[in-house]
Amino acid sequence: IRYSDRVGENYFARNSPSHNWHYFPELTRDEAVLIKCWDSRGDDFLGKLETMRGWPLPPANAEPVPATFSLHTGFVDPATREDAPDRESIEVRLIAFFE
């Protein structure tokens, strides 16, 4: 995908017995789920550093983590009441620095 400031990729996945899926049906409006969608220490990213000009690089001594990306999805829950209000989702981009 070509954006105005970068070139990106979308990934498509199929089910695997090695995946661990989590479902949170009882969340209240005062609760949230945070998903780490991308990690610069991920094996996939570290293997492509030479092609990632302009991207923030992890420290040279950073230990790699097994997952660069986190699969996430939505689905129609047949247990949802027909008169239930729609849920809302927001996406926030942020960078966390640890020293």
PDB file of N, CA and C in Angstrom:
ATOM      1  N   ILE A   1       0.855  -1.163   0.000  1.00  0.00           N
ATOM      2  CA  ILE A   1       0.000   0.000   0.000  1.00  0.00           C
ATOM      3  C   ILE A   1       0.900   1.224   0.000  1.00  0.00           C
ATOM      4  N   ARG A   2       0.643   2.157  -0.877  1.00  0.00           N
ATOM      5  CA  ARG A   2       1.437   3.391  -0.935  1.00  0.00           C
ATOM      6  C   ARG A   2       0.686   4.516  -0.222  1.00  0.00           C
ATOM      7  N   TYR A   3       1.285   5.012   0.836  1.00  0.00           N
ATOM      8  CA  TYR A   3       0.759   6.149   1.562  1.00  0.00           C
ATOM      9  C   TYR A   3       1.543   7.378   1.129  1.00  0.00           C
ATOM     10  N   SER A   4       1.118   8.566   1.544  1.00  0.00           N
ATOM     11  CA  SER A   4       1.841   9.779   1.157  1.00  0.00           C
ATOM     12  C   SER A   4       3.220   9.852   1.804  1.00  0.00           C
ATOM     13  N   ASP A   5       3.395   9.202   2.963  1.00  0.00           N
ATOM     14  CA  ASP A   5       4.666   9.295   3.676  1.00  0.00           C
ATOM     15  C   ASP A   5       5.435   7.983   3.766  1.00  0.00           C
ATOM     16  N   ARG A   6       4.887   6.891   3.247  1.00  0.00           N
ATOM     17  CA  ARG A   6       5.569   5.605   3.358  1.00  0.00           C
ATOM     18  C   ARG A   6       4.882   4.570   2.484  1.00  0.00           C
ATOM     19  N   VAL A   7       5.535   3.439   2.352  1.00  0.00           N
ATOM     20  CA  VAL A   7       4.940   2.290   1.688  1.00  0.00           C
ATOM     21  C   VAL A   7       4.677   1.259   2.770  1.00  0.00           C
ATOM     22  N   GLY A   8       3.475   0.719   2.833  1.00  0.00           N
ATOM     23  CA  GLY A   8       3.118  -0.239   3.874  1.00  0.00           C
ATOM     24  C   GLY A   8       2.656  -1.553   3.289  1.00  0.00           C
ATOM     25  N   GLU A   9       2.366  -2.471   4.163  1.00  0.00           N
ATOM     26  CA  GLU A   9       1.900  -3.790   3.758  1.00  0.00           C
ATOM     27  C   GLU A   9       0.719  -4.190   4.622  1.00  0.00           C
ATOM     28  N   ASN A  10      -0.178  -4.955   4.056  1.00  0.00           N
ATOM     29  CA  ASN A  10      -1.234  -5.620   4.814  1.00  0.00           C
ATOM     30  C   ASN A  10      -0.921  -7.097   4.832  1.00  0.00           C
ATOM     31  N   TYR A  11      -1.257  -7.737   5.903  1.00  0.00           N
ATOM     32  CA  TYR A  11      -1.047  -9.173   6.016  1.00  0.00           C
ATOM     33  C   TYR A  11      -2.397  -9.863   6.121  1.00  0.00           C
ATOM     34  N   PHE A  12      -2.517 -10.986   5.481  1.00  0.00           N
ATOM     35  CA  PHE A  12      -3.709 -11.813   5.597  1.00  0.00           C
ATOM     36  C   PHE A  12      -3.272 -13.124   6.215  1.00  0.00           C
ATOM     37  N   ALA A  13      -4.077 -13.646   7.107  1.00  0.00           N
ATOM     38  CA  ALA A  13      -3.696 -14.864   7.816  1.00  0.00           C
ATOM     39  C   ALA A  13      -4.832 -15.867   7.758  1.00  0.00           C
ATOM     40  N   ARG A  14      -4.465 -17.105   7.907  1.00  0.00           N
ATOM     41  CA  ARG A  14      -5.488 -18.140   8.053  1.00  0.00           C
ATOM     42  C   ARG A  14      -5.285 -18.811   9.403  1.00  0.00           C
ATOM     43  N   ASN A  15      -6.319 -19.440   9.877  1.00  0.00           N
ATOM     44  CA  ASN A  15      -6.298 -20.051  11.198  1.00  0.00           C
ATOM     45  C   ASN A  15      -5.193 -21.102  11.313  1.00  0.00           C
ATOM     46  N   SER A  16      -4.602 -21.149  12.476  1.00  0.00           N
ATOM     47  CA  SER A  16      -3.566 -22.130  12.768  1.00  0.00           C
ATOM     48  C   SER A  16      -3.768 -22.623  14.197  1.00  0.00           C
ATOM     49  N   PRO A  17      -3.537 -23.897  14.449  1.00  0.00           N
ATOM     50  CA  PRO A  17      -3.628 -24.396  15.826  1.00  0.00           C
ATOM     51  C   PRO A  17      -2.642 -23.705  16.769  1.00  0.00           C
ATOM     52  N   SER A  18      -1.599 -23.089  16.225  1.00  0.00           N
ATOM     53  CA  SER A  18      -0.620 -22.420  17.084  1.00  0.00           C
ATOM     54  C   SER A  18      -1.071 -21.020  17.506  1.00  0.00           C
ATOM     55  N   HIS A  19      -2.158 -20.490  16.932  1.00  0.00           N
ATOM     56  CA  HIS A  19      -2.664 -19.178  17.333  1.00  0.00           C
ATOM     57  C   HIS A  19      -3.382 -19.274  18.674  1.00  0.00           C
ATOM     58  N   ASN A  20      -3.278 -18.219  19.441  1.00  0.00           N
ATOM     59  CA  ASN A  20      -4.028 -18.084  20.692  1.00  0.00           C
ATOM     60  C   ASN A  20      -4.948 -16.881  20.543  1.00  0.00           C
ATOM     61  N   TRP A  21      -6.252 -17.111  20.440  1.00  0.00           N
ATOM     62  CA  TRP A  21      -7.212 -16.029  20.289  1.00  0.00           C
ATOM     63  C   TRP A  21      -7.863 -15.750  21.637  1.00  0.00           C
ATOM     64  N   HIS A  22      -8.099 -14.476  21.920  1.00  0.00           N
ATOM     65  CA  HIS A  22      -8.732 -14.072  23.169  1.00  0.00           C
ATOM     66  C   HIS A  22      -9.961 -13.234  22.843  1.00  0.00           C
ATOM     67  N   TYR A  23     -11.022 -13.454  23.581  1.00  0.00           N
ATOM     68  CA  TYR A  23     -12.298 -12.781  23.367  1.00  0.00           C
ATOM     69  C   TYR A  23     -12.725 -12.178  24.697  1.00  0.00           C
ATOM     70  N   PHE A  24     -13.162 -10.939  24.685  1.00  0.00           N
ATOM     71  CA  PHE A  24     -13.522 -10.227  25.909  1.00  0.00           C
ATOM     72  C   PHE A  24     -14.991  -9.789  25.835  1.00  0.00           C
ATOM     73  N   PRO A  25     -15.934 -10.715  26.032  1.00  0.00           N
ATOM     74  CA  PRO A  25     -17.348 -10.376  25.839  1.00  0.00           C
ATOM     75  C   PRO A  25     -17.952  -9.516  26.949  1.00  0.00           C
ATOM     76  N   GLU A  26     -17.323  -9.442  28.100  1.00  0.00           N
ATOM     77  CA  GLU A  26     -17.929  -8.746  29.240  1.00  0.00           C
ATOM     78  C   GLU A  26     -17.297  -7.389  29.526  1.00  0.00           C
ATOM     79  N   LEU A  27     -16.593  -6.796  28.578  1.00  0.00           N
ATOM     80  CA  LEU A  27     -15.990  -5.486  28.822  1.00  0.00           C
ATOM     81  C   LEU A  27     -17.067  -4.449  29.098  1.00  0.00           C
ATOM     82  N   THR A  28     -16.781  -3.565  30.023  1.00  0.00           N
ATOM     83  CA  THR A  28     -17.698  -2.462  30.304  1.00  0.00           C
ATOM     84  C   THR A  28     -17.181  -1.209  29.611  1.00  0.00           C
ATOM     85  N   ARG A  29     -17.959  -0.161  29.643  1.00  0.00           N
ATOM     86  CA  ARG A  29     -17.527   1.084  29.002  1.00  0.00           C
ATOM     87  C   ARG A  29     -16.342   1.720  29.731  1.00  0.00           C
ATOM     88  N   ASP A  30     -16.020   1.250  30.929  1.00  0.00           N
ATOM     89  CA  ASP A  30     -14.877   1.765  31.679  1.00  0.00           C
ATOM     90  C   ASP A  30     -13.609   0.946  31.464  1.00  0.00           C
ATOM     91  N   GLU A  31     -13.653  -0.045  30.593  1.00  0.00           N
ATOM     92  CA  GLU A  31     -12.507  -0.920  30.355  1.00  0.00           C
ATOM     93  C   GLU A  31     -12.060  -0.818  28.897  1.00  0.00           C
ATOM     94  N   ALA A  32     -10.823  -1.169  28.663  1.00  0.00           N
ATOM     95  CA  ALA A  32     -10.280  -1.135  27.301  1.00  0.00           C
ATOM     96  C   ALA A  32      -9.298  -2.283  27.123  1.00  0.00           C
ATOM     97  N   VAL A  33      -9.112  -2.678  25.891  1.00  0.00           N
ATOM     98  CA  VAL A  33      -8.105  -3.675  25.542  1.00  0.00           C
ATOM     99  C   VAL A  33      -7.066  -2.972  24.687  1.00  0.00           C
ATOM    100  N   LEU A  34      -5.812  -3.106  25.048  1.00  0.00           N
ATOM    101  CA  LEU A  34      -4.722  -2.549  24.249  1.00  0.00           C
ATOM    102  C   LEU A  34      -4.039  -3.685  23.515  1.00  0.00           C
ATOM    103  N   ILE A  35      -3.788  -3.486  22.245  1.00  0.00           N
ATOM    104  CA  ILE A  35      -3.139  -4.500  21.421  1.00  0.00           C
ATOM    105  C   ILE A  35      -1.840  -3.917  20.889  1.00  0.00           C
ATOM    106  N   LYS A  36      -0.757  -4.619  21.114  1.00  0.00           N
ATOM    107  CA  LYS A  36       0.510  -4.205  20.506  1.00  0.00           C
ATOM    108  C   LYS A  36       0.469  -4.691  19.062  1.00  0.00           C
ATOM    109  N   CYS A  37       0.242  -3.774  18.145  1.00  0.00           N
ATOM    110  CA  CYS A  37       0.083  -4.171  16.741  1.00  0.00           C
ATOM    111  C   CYS A  37       1.408  -4.278  16.006  1.00  0.00           C
ATOM    112  N   TRP A  38       2.449  -3.652  16.501  1.00  0.00           N
ATOM    113  CA  TRP A  38       3.736  -3.677  15.795  1.00  0.00           C
ATOM    114  C   TRP A  38       4.858  -3.469  16.797  1.00  0.00           C
ATOM    115  N   ASP A  39       5.977  -4.145  16.591  1.00  0.00           N
ATOM    116  CA  ASP A  39       7.125  -4.014  17.482  1.00  0.00           C
ATOM    117  C   ASP A  39       8.393  -3.940  16.650  1.00  0.00           C
ATOM    118  N   SER A  40       9.158  -2.879  16.822  1.00  0.00           N
ATOM    119  CA  SER A  40      10.388  -2.706  16.035  1.00  0.00           C
ATOM    120  C   SER A  40      11.458  -3.727  16.408  1.00  0.00           C
ATOM    121  N   ARG A  41      11.246  -4.477  17.491  1.00  0.00           N
ATOM    122  CA  ARG A  41      12.190  -5.541  17.839  1.00  0.00           C
ATOM    123  C   ARG A  41      11.734  -6.892  17.307  1.00  0.00           C
ATOM    124  N   GLY A  42      10.672  -6.910  16.521  1.00  0.00           N
ATOM    125  CA  GLY A  42      10.149  -8.163  15.993  1.00  0.00           C
ATOM    126  C   GLY A  42      11.070  -8.793  14.967  1.00  0.00           C
ATOM    127  N   ASP A  43      11.082 -10.109  14.955  1.00  0.00           N
ATOM    128  CA  ASP A  43      11.945 -10.840  14.021  1.00  0.00           C
ATOM    129  C   ASP A  43      11.713 -10.426  12.574  1.00  0.00           C
ATOM    130  N   ASP A  44      10.447 -10.215  12.172  1.00  0.00           N
ATOM    131  CA  ASP A  44      10.157  -9.834  10.790  1.00  0.00           C
ATOM    132  C   ASP A  44      10.779  -8.489  10.443  1.00  0.00           C
ATOM    133  N   PHE A  45      10.703  -7.527  11.362  1.00  0.00           N
ATOM    134  CA  PHE A  45      11.254  -6.199  11.109  1.00  0.00           C
ATOM    135  C   PHE A  45      12.777  -6.234  11.104  1.00  0.00           C
ATOM    136  N   LEU A  46      13.368  -6.878  12.106  1.00  0.00           N
ATOM    137  CA  LEU A  46      14.825  -6.901  12.199  1.00  0.00           C
ATOM    138  C   LEU A  46      15.451  -7.565  10.986  1.00  0.00           C
ATOM    139  N   GLY A  47      14.747  -8.507  10.359  1.00  0.00           N
ATOM    140  CA  GLY A  47      15.274  -9.169   9.179  1.00  0.00           C
ATOM    141  C   GLY A  47      15.229  -8.314   7.931  1.00  0.00           C
ATOM    142  N   LYS A  48      14.552  -7.155   7.986  1.00  0.00           N
ATOM    143  CA  LYS A  48      14.403  -6.304   6.805  1.00  0.00           C
ATOM    144  C   LYS A  48      14.994  -4.916   7.012  1.00  0.00           C
ATOM    145  N   LEU A  49      15.849  -4.740   7.987  1.00  0.00           N
ATOM    146  CA  LEU A  49      16.342  -3.402   8.313  1.00  0.00           C
ATOM    147  C   LEU A  49      16.949  -2.684   7.117  1.00  0.00           C
ATOM    148  N   GLU A  50      17.635  -3.418   6.251  1.00  0.00           N
ATOM    149  CA  GLU A  50      18.294  -2.758   5.126  1.00  0.00           C
ATOM    150  C   GLU A  50      17.291  -2.152   4.149  1.00  0.00           C
ATOM    151  N   THR A  51      16.034  -2.581   4.168  1.00  0.00           N
ATOM    152  CA  THR A  51      15.031  -2.037   3.250  1.00  0.00           C
ATOM    153  C   THR A  51      14.116  -1.026   3.928  1.00  0.00           C
ATOM    154  N   MET A  52      14.356  -0.714   5.179  1.00  0.00           N
ATOM    155  CA  MET A  52      13.439   0.128   5.941  1.00  0.00           C
ATOM    156  C   MET A  52      14.014   1.523   6.176  1.00  0.00           C
ATOM    157  N   ARG A  53      14.537   2.150   5.161  1.00  0.00           N
ATOM    158  CA  ARG A  53      15.122   3.487   5.315  1.00  0.00           C
ATOM    159  C   ARG A  53      14.089   4.465   5.879  1.00  0.00           C
ATOM    160  N   GLY A  54      14.508   5.252   6.840  1.00  0.00           N
ATOM    161  CA  GLY A  54      13.633   6.256   7.420  1.00  0.00           C
ATOM    162  C   GLY A  54      12.803   5.773   8.601  1.00  0.00           C
ATOM    163  N   TRP A  55      12.792   4.479   8.866  1.00  0.00           N
ATOM    164  CA  TRP A  55      12.023   3.963   9.994  1.00  0.00           C
ATOM    165  C   TRP A  55      12.862   4.079  11.257  1.00  0.00           C
ATOM    166  N   PRO A  56      12.225   4.282  12.411  1.00  0.00           N
ATOM    167  CA  PRO A  56      12.999   4.309  13.657  1.00  0.00           C
ATOM    168  C   PRO A  56      13.567   2.922  13.937  1.00  0.00           C
ATOM    169  N   LEU A  57      14.830   2.872  14.206  1.00  0.00           N
ATOM    170  CA  LEU A  57      15.486   1.585  14.430  1.00  0.00           C
ATOM    171  C   LEU A  57      15.604   1.291  15.919  1.00  0.00           C
ATOM    172  N   PRO A  58      15.487   0.032  16.295  1.00  0.00           N
ATOM    173  CA  PRO A  58      15.680  -0.328  17.699  1.00  0.00           C
ATOM    174  C   PRO A  58      17.153  -0.200  18.057  1.00  0.00           C
ATOM    175  N   PRO A  59      17.468  -0.096  19.334  1.00  0.00           N
ATOM    176  CA  PRO A  59      18.877  -0.044  19.739  1.00  0.00           C
ATOM    177  C   PRO A  59      19.624  -1.278  19.247  1.00  0.00           C
ATOM    178  N   ALA A  60      20.903  -1.117  18.983  1.00  0.00           N
ATOM    179  CA  ALA A  60      21.713  -2.215  18.450  1.00  0.00           C
ATOM    180  C   ALA A  60      21.718  -3.423  19.382  1.00  0.00           C
ATOM    181  N   ASN A  61      21.588  -3.199  20.680  1.00  0.00           N
ATOM    182  CA  ASN A  61      21.627  -4.312  21.638  1.00  0.00           C
ATOM    183  C   ASN A  61      20.228  -4.827  21.997  1.00  0.00           C
ATOM    184  N   ALA A  62      19.199  -4.428  21.259  1.00  0.00           N
ATOM    185  CA  ALA A  62      17.824  -4.843  21.568  1.00  0.00           C
ATOM    186  C   ALA A  62      17.653  -6.335  21.327  1.00  0.00           C
ATOM    187  N   GLU A  63      17.047  -6.995  22.294  1.00  0.00           N
ATOM    188  CA  GLU A  63      16.731  -8.415  22.140  1.00  0.00           C
ATOM    189  C   GLU A  63      15.509  -8.546  21.238  1.00  0.00           C
ATOM    190  N   PRO A  64      15.562  -9.405  20.231  1.00  0.00           N
ATOM    191  CA  PRO A  64      14.388  -9.560  19.370  1.00  0.00           C
ATOM    192  C   PRO A  64      13.228 -10.232  20.105  1.00  0.00           C
ATOM    193  N   VAL A  65      12.034  -9.910  19.674  1.00  0.00           N
ATOM    194  CA  VAL A  65      10.823 -10.559  20.187  1.00  0.00           C
ATOM    195  C   VAL A  65      10.236 -11.391  19.051  1.00  0.00           C
ATOM    196  N   PRO A  66       9.495 -12.459  19.354  1.00  0.00           N
ATOM    197  CA  PRO A  66       9.049 -13.368  18.297  1.00  0.00           C
ATOM    198  C   PRO A  66       8.000 -12.786  17.355  1.00  0.00           C
ATOM    199  N   ALA A  67       7.235 -11.796  17.787  1.00  0.00           N
ATOM    200  CA  ALA A  67       6.147 -11.301  16.940  1.00  0.00           C
ATOM    201  C   ALA A  67       6.342  -9.830  16.602  1.00  0.00           C
ATOM    202  N   THR A  68       6.450  -9.530  15.321  1.00  0.00           N
ATOM    203  CA  THR A  68       6.485  -8.142  14.884  1.00  0.00           C
ATOM    204  C   THR A  68       5.077  -7.566  14.888  1.00  0.00           C
ATOM    205  N   PHE A  69       4.102  -8.364  14.496  1.00  0.00           N
ATOM    206  CA  PHE A  69       2.718  -7.929  14.360  1.00  0.00           C
ATOM    207  C   PHE A  69       1.800  -8.764  15.250  1.00  0.00           C
ATOM    208  N   SER A  70       0.631  -8.226  15.558  1.00  0.00           N
ATOM    209  CA  SER A  70      -0.400  -8.972  16.287  1.00  0.00           C
ATOM    210  C   SER A  70      -1.637  -9.066  15.409  1.00  0.00           C
ATOM    211  N   LEU A  71      -2.068 -10.279  15.131  1.00  0.00           N
ATOM    212  CA  LEU A  71      -3.310 -10.453  14.390  1.00  0.00           C
ATOM    213  C   LEU A  71      -4.467 -10.007  15.270  1.00  0.00           C
ATOM    214  N   HIS A  72      -5.425  -9.314  14.690  1.00  0.00           N
ATOM    215  CA  HIS A  72      -6.627  -8.935  15.417  1.00  0.00           C
ATOM    216  C   HIS A  72      -7.770  -8.837  14.416  1.00  0.00           C
ATOM    217  N   THR A  73      -8.964  -9.028  14.897  1.00  0.00           N
ATOM    218  CA  THR A  73     -10.113  -9.084  13.997  1.00  0.00           C
ATOM    219  C   THR A  73     -11.389  -8.708  14.733  1.00  0.00           C
ATOM    220  N   GLY A  74     -12.460  -8.643  14.017  1.00  0.00           N
ATOM    221  CA  GLY A  74     -13.787  -8.458  14.574  1.00  0.00           C
ATOM    222  C   GLY A  74     -14.703  -9.515  13.981  1.00  0.00           C
ATOM    223  N   PHE A  75     -15.824  -9.732  14.624  1.00  0.00           N
ATOM    224  CA  PHE A  75     -16.762 -10.728  14.113  1.00  0.00           C
ATOM    225  C   PHE A  75     -18.157 -10.420  14.641  1.00  0.00           C
ATOM    226  N   VAL A  76     -19.144 -10.980  14.004  1.00  0.00           N
ATOM    227  CA  VAL A  76     -20.523 -10.855  14.463  1.00  0.00           C
ATOM    228  C   VAL A  76     -20.743 -11.912  15.540  1.00  0.00           C
ATOM    229  N   ASP A  77     -21.114 -11.461  16.728  1.00  0.00           N
ATOM    230  CA  ASP A  77     -21.356 -12.375  17.846  1.00  0.00           C
ATOM    231  C   ASP A  77     -22.839 -12.734  17.869  1.00  0.00           C
ATOM    232  N   PRO A  78     -23.185 -13.985  17.611  1.00  0.00           N
ATOM    233  CA  PRO A  78     -24.599 -14.361  17.582  1.00  0.00           C
ATOM    234  C   PRO A  78     -25.289 -14.229  18.941  1.00  0.00           C
ATOM    235  N   ALA A  79     -24.523 -14.084  20.024  1.00  0.00           N
ATOM    236  CA  ALA A  79     -25.120 -13.935  21.353  1.00  0.00           C
ATOM    237  C   ALA A  79     -25.506 -12.484  21.660  1.00  0.00           C
ATOM    238  N   THR A  80     -25.161 -11.549  20.784  1.00  0.00           N
ATOM    239  CA  THR A  80     -25.470 -10.141  21.019  1.00  0.00           C
ATOM    240  C   THR A  80     -26.959  -9.880  20.808  1.00  0.00           C
ATOM    241  N   ARG A  81     -27.563  -9.152  21.740  1.00  0.00           N
ATOM    242  CA  ARG A  81     -28.980  -8.792  21.594  1.00  0.00           C
ATOM    243  C   ARG A  81     -29.170  -7.907  20.361  1.00  0.00           C
ATOM    244  N   GLU A  82     -30.289  -8.041  19.713  1.00  0.00           N
ATOM    245  CA  GLU A  82     -30.549  -7.232  18.517  1.00  0.00           C
ATOM    246  C   GLU A  82     -30.639  -5.748  18.837  1.00  0.00           C
ATOM    247  N   ASP A  83     -31.075  -5.395  20.051  1.00  0.00           N
ATOM    248  CA  ASP A  83     -31.216  -3.986  20.416  1.00  0.00           C
ATOM    249  C   ASP A  83     -29.967  -3.434  21.118  1.00  0.00           C
ATOM    250  N   ALA A  84     -28.895  -4.195  21.149  1.00  0.00           N
ATOM    251  CA  ALA A  84     -27.660  -3.736  21.801  1.00  0.00           C
ATOM    252  C   ALA A  84     -27.051  -2.583  21.003  1.00  0.00           C
ATOM    253  N   PRO A  85     -26.523  -1.563  21.705  1.00  0.00           N
ATOM    254  CA  PRO A  85     -25.880  -0.461  20.978  1.00  0.00           C
ATOM    255  C   PRO A  85     -24.602  -0.953  20.298  1.00  0.00           C
ATOM    256  N   ASP A  86     -24.268  -0.313  19.190  1.00  0.00           N
ATOM    257  CA  ASP A  86     -23.032  -0.665  18.504  1.00  0.00           C
ATOM    258  C   ASP A  86     -21.838  -0.352  19.393  1.00  0.00           C
ATOM    259  N   ARG A  87     -20.811  -1.170  19.282  1.00  0.00           N
ATOM    260  CA  ARG A  87     -19.574  -0.900  20.004  1.00  0.00           C
ATOM    261  C   ARG A  87     -18.722   0.025  19.154  1.00  0.00           C
ATOM    262  N   GLU A  88     -17.816   0.727  19.784  1.00  0.00           N
ATOM    263  CA  GLU A  88     -16.931   1.631  19.061  1.00  0.00           C
ATOM    264  C   GLU A  88     -15.494   1.199  19.265  1.00  0.00           C
ATOM    265  N   SER A  89     -14.699   1.440  18.253  1.00  0.00           N
ATOM    266  CA  SER A  89     -13.280   1.115  18.309  1.00  0.00           C
ATOM    267  C   SER A  89     -12.502   2.338  17.844  1.00  0.00           C
ATOM    268  N   ILE A  90     -11.407   2.626  18.518  1.00  0.00           N
ATOM    269  CA  ILE A  90     -10.535   3.709  18.065  1.00  0.00           C
ATOM    270  C   ILE A  90      -9.136   3.145  17.892  1.00  0.00           C
ATOM    271  N   GLU A  91      -8.390   3.755  17.010  1.00  0.00           N
ATOM    272  CA  GLU A  91      -6.991   3.386  16.837  1.00  0.00           C
ATOM    273  C   GLU A  91      -6.153   4.605  17.165  1.00  0.00           C
ATOM    274  N   VAL A  92      -5.129   4.393  17.954  1.00  0.00           N
ATOM    275  CA  VAL A  92      -4.234   5.462  18.364  1.00  0.00           C
ATOM    276  C   VAL A  92      -2.820   5.028  18.039  1.00  0.00           C
ATOM    277  N   ARG A  93      -2.087   5.882  17.367  1.00  0.00           N
ATOM    278  CA  ARG A  93      -0.673   5.588  17.111  1.00  0.00           C
ATOM    279  C   ARG A  93       0.156   6.288  18.178  1.00  0.00           C
ATOM    280  N   LEU A  94       1.028   5.535  18.786  1.00  0.00           N
ATOM    281  CA  LEU A  94       1.928   6.136  19.753  1.00  0.00           C
ATOM    282  C   LEU A  94       3.233   5.373  19.752  1.00  0.00           C
ATOM    283  N   ILE A  95       4.220   6.012  20.258  1.00  0.00           N
ATOM    284  CA  ILE A  95       5.538   5.390  20.384  1.00  0.00           C
ATOM    285  C   ILE A  95       5.901   5.422  21.859  1.00  0.00           C
ATOM    286  N   ALA A  96       6.299   4.296  22.395  1.00  0.00           N
ATOM    287  CA  ALA A  96       6.719   4.215  23.792  1.00  0.00           C
ATOM    288  C   ALA A  96       8.232   4.037  23.832  1.00  0.00           C
ATOM    289  N   PHE A  97       8.895   4.883  24.568  1.00  0.00           N
ATOM    290  CA  PHE A  97      10.342   4.789  24.727  1.00  0.00           C
ATOM    291  C   PHE A  97      10.650   4.287  26.131  1.00  0.00           C
ATOM    292  N   PHE A  98      11.522   3.317  26.226  1.00  0.00           N
ATOM    293  CA  PHE A  98      11.935   2.775  27.512  1.00  0.00           C
ATOM    294  C   PHE A  98      13.430   2.995  27.667  1.00  0.00           C
ATOM    295  N   GLU A  99      13.833   3.463  28.826  1.00  0.00           N
ATOM    296  CA  GLU A  99      15.264   3.676  29.072  1.00  0.00           C
ATOM    297  C   GLU A  99      15.733   2.792  30.200  1.00  0.00           C
TER     298      GLU A  99
END
